[in-house]
PDB file of all heavy atoms in Angstrom:
ATOM      1  N   GLN A   1       0.864  -1.175   0.007  1.00  0.00           N
ATOM      2  CA  GLN A   1      -0.004  -0.001   0.003  1.00  0.00           C
ATOM      3  C   GLN A   1       0.887   1.229  -0.007  1.00  0.00           C
ATOM      4  O   GLN A   1       1.460   1.623   1.027  1.00  0.00           O
ATOM      5  CB  GLN A   1      -0.935  -0.012   1.208  1.00  0.00           C
ATOM      6  CG  GLN A   1      -1.941  -1.152   1.172  1.00  0.00           C
ATOM      7  CD  GLN A   1      -2.990  -1.046   2.262  1.00  0.00           C
ATOM      8  OE1 GLN A   1      -2.817  -0.351   3.248  1.00  0.00           O
ATOM      9  NE2 GLN A   1      -4.105  -1.733   2.069  1.00  0.00           N
ATOM     10  N   VAL A   2       1.060   1.808  -1.166  1.00  0.00           N
ATOM     11  CA  VAL A   2       2.044   2.866  -1.391  1.00  0.00           C
ATOM     12  C   VAL A   2       1.415   4.219  -1.144  1.00  0.00           C
ATOM     13  O   VAL A   2       0.296   4.495  -1.616  1.00  0.00           O
ATOM     14  CB  VAL A   2       2.596   2.780  -2.833  1.00  0.00           C
ATOM     15  CG1 VAL A   2       3.725   3.778  -3.018  1.00  0.00           C
ATOM     16  CG2 VAL A   2       3.096   1.359  -3.116  1.00  0.00           C
ATOM     17  N   GLY A   3       2.131   5.074  -0.414  1.00  0.00           N
ATOM     18  CA  GLY A   3       1.679   6.431  -0.157  1.00  0.00           C
ATOM     19  C   GLY A   3       2.843   7.396  -0.126  1.00  0.00           C
ATOM     20  O   GLY A   3       4.017   6.986  -0.125  1.00  0.00           O
ATOM     21  N   PHE A   4       2.560   8.694  -0.128  1.00  0.00           N
ATOM     22  CA  PHE A   4       3.591   9.715  -0.086  1.00  0.00           C
ATOM     23  C   PHE A   4       4.214   9.790   1.313  1.00  0.00           C
ATOM     24  O   PHE A   4       3.539   9.542   2.315  1.00  0.00           O
ATOM     25  CB  PHE A   4       3.016  11.083  -0.471  1.00  0.00           C
ATOM     26  CG  PHE A   4       2.602  11.184  -1.899  1.00  0.00           C
ATOM     27  CD1 PHE A   4       1.264  11.005  -2.266  1.00  0.00           C
ATOM     28  CD2 PHE A   4       3.523  11.469  -2.900  1.00  0.00           C
ATOM     29  CE1 PHE A   4       0.870  11.106  -3.571  1.00  0.00           C
ATOM     30  CE2 PHE A   4       3.135  11.572  -4.217  1.00  0.00           C
ATOM     31  CZ  PHE A   4       1.800  11.395  -4.570  1.00  0.00           C
ATOM     32  N   GLU A   5       5.494  10.164   1.355  1.00  0.00           N
ATOM     33  CA  GLU A   5       6.165  10.356   2.639  1.00  0.00           C
ATOM     34  C   GLU A   5       5.964  11.780   3.166  1.00  0.00           C
ATOM     35  O   GLU A   5       6.390  12.093   4.284  1.00  0.00           O
ATOM     36  CB  GLU A   5       7.665  10.058   2.509  1.00  0.00           C
ATOM     37  CG  GLU A   5       7.952   8.605   2.158  1.00  0.00           C
ATOM     38  CD  GLU A   5       9.432   8.283   2.177  1.00  0.00           C
ATOM     39  OE1 GLU A   5      10.137   8.713   3.108  1.00  0.00           O
ATOM     40  OE2 GLU A   5       9.901   7.620   1.225  1.00  0.00           O
ATOM     41  N   VAL A   6       5.312  12.629   2.390  1.00  0.00           N
ATOM     42  CA  VAL A   6       4.951  13.984   2.799  1.00  0.00           C
ATOM     43  C   VAL A   6       3.499  14.212   2.439  1.00  0.00           C
ATOM     44  O   VAL A   6       2.911  13.486   1.640  1.00  0.00           O
ATOM     45  CB  VAL A   6       5.862  15.039   2.125  1.00  0.00           C
ATOM     46  CG1 VAL A   6       7.293  14.912   2.613  1.00  0.00           C
ATOM     47  CG2 VAL A   6       5.768  14.936   0.604  1.00  0.00           C
ATOM     48  N   GLY A   7       2.897  15.242   3.038  1.00  0.00           N
ATOM     49  CA  GLY A   7       1.517  15.571   2.735  1.00  0.00           C
ATOM     50  C   GLY A   7       1.423  16.679   1.700  1.00  0.00           C
ATOM     51  O   GLY A   7       2.390  17.379   1.411  1.00  0.00           O
ATOM     52  N   GLY A   8       0.228  16.816   1.134  1.00  0.00           N
ATOM     53  CA  GLY A   8       0.005  17.871   0.148  1.00  0.00           C
ATOM     54  C   GLY A   8      -1.201  17.575  -0.730  1.00  0.00           C
ATOM     55  O   GLY A   8      -1.922  16.608  -0.493  1.00  0.00           O
ATOM     56  N   ARG A   9      -1.389  18.420  -1.732  1.00  0.00           N
ATOM     57  CA  ARG A   9      -2.502  18.254  -2.653  1.00  0.00           C
ATOM     58  C   ARG A   9      -2.086  17.393  -3.833  1.00  0.00           C
ATOM     59  O   ARG A   9      -1.075  17.678  -4.489  1.00  0.00           O
ATOM     60  CB  ARG A   9      -3.007  19.616  -3.136  1.00  0.00           C
ATOM     61  CG  ARG A   9      -4.271  19.534  -4.022  1.00  0.00           C
ATOM     62  CD  ARG A   9      -4.764  20.924  -4.376  1.00  0.00           C
ATOM     63  NE  ARG A   9      -5.139  21.653  -3.179  1.00  0.00           N
ATOM     64  CZ  ARG A   9      -6.291  21.512  -2.555  1.00  0.00           C
ATOM     65  NH1 ARG A   9      -7.210  20.688  -3.028  1.00  0.00           N
ATOM     66  NH2 ARG A   9      -6.575  22.223  -1.470  1.00  0.00           N
ATOM     67  N   LEU A  10      -2.860  16.368  -4.096  1.00  0.00           N
ATOM     68  CA  LEU A  10      -2.570  15.466  -5.218  1.00  0.00           C
ATOM     69  C   LEU A  10      -2.938  16.166  -6.523  1.00  0.00           C
ATOM     70  O   LEU A  10      -4.080  16.575  -6.723  1.00  0.00           O
ATOM     71  CB  LEU A  10      -3.381  14.176  -5.076  1.00  0.00           C
ATOM     72  CG  LEU A  10      -3.072  13.027  -6.035  1.00  0.00           C
ATOM     73  CD1 LEU A  10      -1.668  12.499  -5.800  1.00  0.00           C
ATOM     74  CD2 LEU A  10      -4.093  11.895  -5.867  1.00  0.00           C
ATOM     75  N   VAL A  11      -1.947  16.315  -7.407  1.00  0.00           N
ATOM     76  CA  VAL A  11      -2.190  16.999  -8.677  1.00  0.00           C
ATOM     77  C   VAL A  11      -2.324  16.024  -9.843  1.00  0.00           C
ATOM     78  O   VAL A  11      -2.888  16.386 -10.882  1.00  0.00           O
ATOM     79  CB  VAL A  11      -1.074  18.012  -8.964  1.00  0.00           C
ATOM     80  CG1 VAL A  11      -1.081  19.153  -7.938  1.00  0.00           C
ATOM     81  CG2 VAL A  11       0.308  17.351  -8.996  1.00  0.00           C
ATOM     82  N   SER A  12      -1.814  14.800  -9.663  1.00  0.00           N
ATOM     83  CA  SER A  12      -1.951  13.814 -10.762  1.00  0.00           C
ATOM     84  C   SER A  12      -1.816  12.402 -10.207  1.00  0.00           C
ATOM     85  O   SER A  12      -1.111  12.171  -9.234  1.00  0.00           O
ATOM     86  CB  SER A  12      -0.871  14.044 -11.834  1.00  0.00           C
ATOM     87  OG  SER A  12       0.416  13.748 -11.322  1.00  0.00           O
ATOM     88  N   ARG A  13      -2.559  11.481 -10.869  1.00  0.00           N
ATOM     89  CA  ARG A  13      -2.419  10.060 -10.595  1.00  0.00           C
ATOM     90  C   ARG A  13      -2.373   9.376 -11.943  1.00  0.00           C
ATOM     91  O   ARG A  13      -3.320   9.399 -12.712  1.00  0.00           O
ATOM     92  CB  ARG A  13      -3.597   9.536  -9.773  1.00  0.00           C
ATOM     93  CG  ARG A  13      -3.299   8.159  -9.151  1.00  0.00           C
ATOM     94  CD  ARG A  13      -4.531   7.526  -8.524  1.00  0.00           C
ATOM     95  NE  ARG A  13      -5.476   7.116  -9.568  1.00  0.00           N
ATOM     96  CZ  ARG A  13      -6.777   7.242  -9.479  1.00  0.00           C
ATOM     97  NH1 ARG A  13      -7.320   7.809  -8.442  1.00  0.00           N
ATOM     98  NH2 ARG A  13      -7.527   6.834 -10.476  1.00  0.00           N
ATOM     99  N   ASP A  14      -1.222   8.755 -12.254  1.00  0.00           N
ATOM    100  CA  ASP A  14      -0.953   8.297 -13.605  1.00  0.00           C
ATOM    101  C   ASP A  14      -1.457   6.878 -13.884  1.00  0.00           C
ATOM    102  O   ASP A  14      -1.370   6.419 -15.027  1.00  0.00           O
ATOM    103  CB  ASP A  14       0.560   8.360 -13.881  1.00  0.00           C
ATOM    104  CG  ASP A  14       1.115   9.772 -13.744  1.00  0.00           C
ATOM    105  OD1 ASP A  14       0.302  10.727 -13.813  1.00  0.00           O
ATOM    106  OD2 ASP A  14       2.317   9.923 -13.538  1.00  0.00           O
ATOM    107  N   VAL A  15      -1.924   6.153 -12.881  1.00  0.00           N
ATOM    108  CA  VAL A  15      -2.367   4.762 -13.083  1.00  0.00           C
ATOM    109  C   VAL A  15      -3.717   4.554 -12.424  1.00  0.00           C
ATOM    110  O   VAL A  15      -4.097   5.263 -11.490  1.00  0.00           O
ATOM    111  CB  VAL A  15      -1.341   3.747 -12.509  1.00  0.00           C
ATOM    112  CG1 VAL A  15      -0.029   3.822 -13.284  1.00  0.00           C
ATOM    113  CG2 VAL A  15      -1.114   4.010 -11.031  1.00  0.00           C
ATOM    114  N   ASP A  16      -4.444   3.576 -12.953  1.00  0.00           N
ATOM    115  CA  ASP A  16      -5.726   3.179 -12.386  1.00  0.00           C
ATOM    116  C   ASP A  16      -5.666   1.700 -12.007  1.00  0.00           C
ATOM    117  O   ASP A  16      -4.692   0.999 -12.337  1.00  0.00           O
ATOM    118  CB  ASP A  16      -6.868   3.416 -13.370  1.00  0.00           C
ATOM    119  CG  ASP A  16      -7.089   4.897 -13.644  1.00  0.00           C
ATOM    120  OD1 ASP A  16      -7.126   5.671 -12.662  1.00  0.00           O
ATOM    121  OD2 ASP A  16      -7.225   5.278 -14.830  1.00  0.00           O
ATOM    122  N   ALA A  17      -6.690   1.200 -11.335  1.00  0.00           N
ATOM    123  CA  ALA A  17      -6.749  -0.208 -10.952  1.00  0.00           C
ATOM    124  C   ALA A  17      -6.677  -1.094 -12.194  1.00  0.00           C
ATOM    125  O   ALA A  17      -7.332  -0.833 -13.195  1.00  0.00           O
ATOM    126  CB  ALA A  17      -8.026  -0.498 -10.171  1.00  0.00           C
ATOM    127  N   GLY A  18      -5.854  -2.112 -12.114  1.00  0.00           N
ATOM    128  CA  GLY A  18      -5.661  -3.042 -13.234  1.00  0.00           C
ATOM    129  C   GLY A  18      -4.435  -2.765 -14.061  1.00  0.00           C
ATOM    130  O   GLY A  18      -4.047  -3.593 -14.885  1.00  0.00           O
ATOM    131  N   ALA A  19      -3.820  -1.598 -13.849  1.00  0.00           N
ATOM    132  CA  ALA A  19      -2.631  -1.252 -14.639  1.00  0.00           C
ATOM    133  C   ALA A  19      -1.410  -2.061 -14.187  1.00  0.00           C
ATOM    134  O   ALA A  19      -1.248  -2.356 -13.002  1.00  0.00           O
ATOM    135  CB  ALA A  19      -2.346   0.242 -14.520  1.00  0.00           C
ATOM    136  N   THR A  20      -0.565  -2.386 -15.131  1.00  0.00           N
ATOM    137  CA  THR A  20       0.698  -3.066 -14.826  1.00  0.00           C
ATOM    138  C   THR A  20       1.801  -2.016 -14.716  1.00  0.00           C
ATOM    139  O   THR A  20       1.942  -1.176 -15.594  1.00  0.00           O
ATOM    140  CB  THR A  20       1.049  -4.079 -15.926  1.00  0.00           C
ATOM    141  OG1 THR A  20      -0.010  -5.048 -16.030  1.00  0.00           O
ATOM    142  CG2 THR A  20       2.344  -4.802 -15.615  1.00  0.00           C
ATOM    143  N   VAL A  21       2.574  -2.064 -13.629  1.00  0.00           N
ATOM    144  CA  VAL A  21       3.599  -1.063 -13.395  1.00  0.00           C
ATOM    145  C   VAL A  21       4.953  -1.745 -13.230  1.00  0.00           C
ATOM    146  O   VAL A  21       5.049  -2.932 -12.895  1.00  0.00           O
ATOM    147  CB  VAL A  21       3.281  -0.222 -12.151  1.00  0.00           C
ATOM    148  CG1 VAL A  21       1.980   0.556 -12.348  1.00  0.00           C
ATOM    149  CG2 VAL A  21       3.180  -1.083 -10.900  1.00  0.00           C
ATOM    150  N   LYS A  22       6.015  -0.958 -13.492  1.00  0.00           N
ATOM    151  CA  LYS A  22       7.380  -1.409 -13.326  1.00  0.00           C
ATOM    152  C   LYS A  22       8.019  -0.690 -12.160  1.00  0.00           C
ATOM    153  O   LYS A  22       7.617   0.421 -11.797  1.00  0.00           O
ATOM    154  CB  LYS A  22       8.181  -1.160 -14.606  1.00  0.00           C
ATOM    155  CG  LYS A  22       7.662  -1.907 -15.835  1.00  0.00           C
ATOM    156  CD  LYS A  22       7.834  -3.414 -15.685  1.00  0.00           C
ATOM    157  CE  LYS A  22       7.401  -4.147 -16.941  1.00  0.00           C
ATOM    158  NZ  LYS A  22       7.548  -5.628 -16.793  1.00  0.00           N
ATOM    159  N   LYS A  23       9.036  -1.299 -11.590  1.00  0.00           N
ATOM    160  CA  LYS A  23       9.728  -0.695 -10.466  1.00  0.00           C
ATOM    161  C   LYS A  23      10.319   0.657 -10.879  1.00  0.00           C
ATOM    162  O   LYS A  23      10.976   0.764 -11.908  1.00  0.00           O
ATOM    163  CB  LYS A  23      10.836  -1.616  -9.975  1.00  0.00           C
ATOM    164  CG  LYS A  23      11.561  -1.109  -8.748  1.00  0.00           C
ATOM    165  CD  LYS A  23      12.599  -2.090  -8.259  1.00  0.00           C
ATOM    166  CE  LYS A  23      13.325  -1.567  -7.022  1.00  0.00           C
ATOM    167  NZ  LYS A  23      14.328  -2.544  -6.503  1.00  0.00           N
ATOM    168  N   GLY A  24      10.070   1.692 -10.067  1.00  0.00           N
ATOM    169  CA  GLY A  24      10.567   3.032 -10.335  1.00  0.00           C
ATOM    170  C   GLY A  24       9.650   3.873 -11.188  1.00  0.00           C
ATOM    171  O   GLY A  24       9.931   5.065 -11.404  1.00  0.00           O
ATOM    172  N   GLN A  25       8.563   3.290 -11.704  1.00  0.00           N
ATOM    173  CA  GLN A  25       7.643   4.060 -12.552  1.00  0.00           C
ATOM    174  C   GLN A  25       6.887   5.087 -11.719  1.00  0.00           C
ATOM    175  O   GLN A  25       6.473   4.818 -10.584  1.00  0.00           O
ATOM    176  CB  GLN A  25       6.672   3.095 -13.224  1.00  0.00           C
ATOM    177  CG  GLN A  25       5.635   3.767 -14.094  1.00  0.00           C
ATOM    178  CD  GLN A  25       4.673   2.766 -14.728  1.00  0.00           C
ATOM    179  OE1 GLN A  25       5.011   1.582 -14.853  1.00  0.00           O
ATOM    180  NE2 GLN A  25       3.501   3.218 -15.128  1.00  0.00           N
ATOM    181  N   LYS A  26       6.680   6.271 -12.293  1.00  0.00           N
ATOM    182  CA  LYS A  26       5.925   7.316 -11.593  1.00  0.00           C
ATOM    183  C   LYS A  26       4.453   6.925 -11.531  1.00  0.00           C
ATOM    184  O   LYS A  26       3.835   6.583 -12.528  1.00  0.00           O
ATOM    185  CB  LYS A  26       6.098   8.656 -12.318  1.00  0.00           C
ATOM    186  CG  LYS A  26       5.337   9.805 -11.678  1.00  0.00           C
ATOM    187  CD  LYS A  26       5.468  11.077 -12.495  1.00  0.00           C
ATOM    188  CE  LYS A  26       4.584  12.187 -11.938  1.00  0.00           C
ATOM    189  NZ  LYS A  26       4.625  13.418 -12.760  1.00  0.00           N
ATOM    190  N   LEU A  27       3.892   7.031 -10.324  1.00  0.00           N
ATOM    191  CA  LEU A  27       2.500   6.680 -10.109  1.00  0.00           C
ATOM    192  C   LEU A  27       1.613   7.905  -9.900  1.00  0.00           C
ATOM    193  O   LEU A  27       0.477   7.940 -10.381  1.00  0.00           O
ATOM    194  CB  LEU A  27       2.375   5.747  -8.897  1.00  0.00           C
ATOM    195  CG  LEU A  27       3.213   4.463  -8.926  1.00  0.00           C
ATOM    196  CD1 LEU A  27       3.052   3.720  -7.623  1.00  0.00           C
ATOM    197  CD2 LEU A  27       2.842   3.592 -10.098  1.00  0.00           C
ATOM    198  N   ALA A  28       2.093   8.872  -9.143  1.00  0.00           N
ATOM    199  CA  ALA A  28       1.277  10.051  -8.813  1.00  0.00           C
ATOM    200  C   ALA A  28       2.222  11.177  -8.383  1.00  0.00           C
ATOM    201  O   ALA A  28       3.429  10.956  -8.163  1.00  0.00           O
ATOM    202  CB  ALA A  28       0.272   9.744  -7.720  1.00  0.00           C
ATOM    203  N   ALA A  29       1.678  12.395  -8.263  1.00  0.00           N
ATOM    204  CA  ALA A  29       2.501  13.538  -7.875  1.00  0.00           C
ATOM    205  C   ALA A  29       1.680  14.518  -7.027  1.00  0.00           C
ATOM    206  O   ALA A  29       0.474  14.671  -7.222  1.00  0.00           O
ATOM    207  CB  ALA A  29       3.054  14.249  -9.100  1.00  0.00           C
TER     208      ALA A  29
END
């Protein structure tokens, strides 16, 4: 269960449920 180590306003989420991801890939910002 991945989350940010700091708080703030989420401006983007690059993946949705069912997506295949690779290690180091950007997920959100």
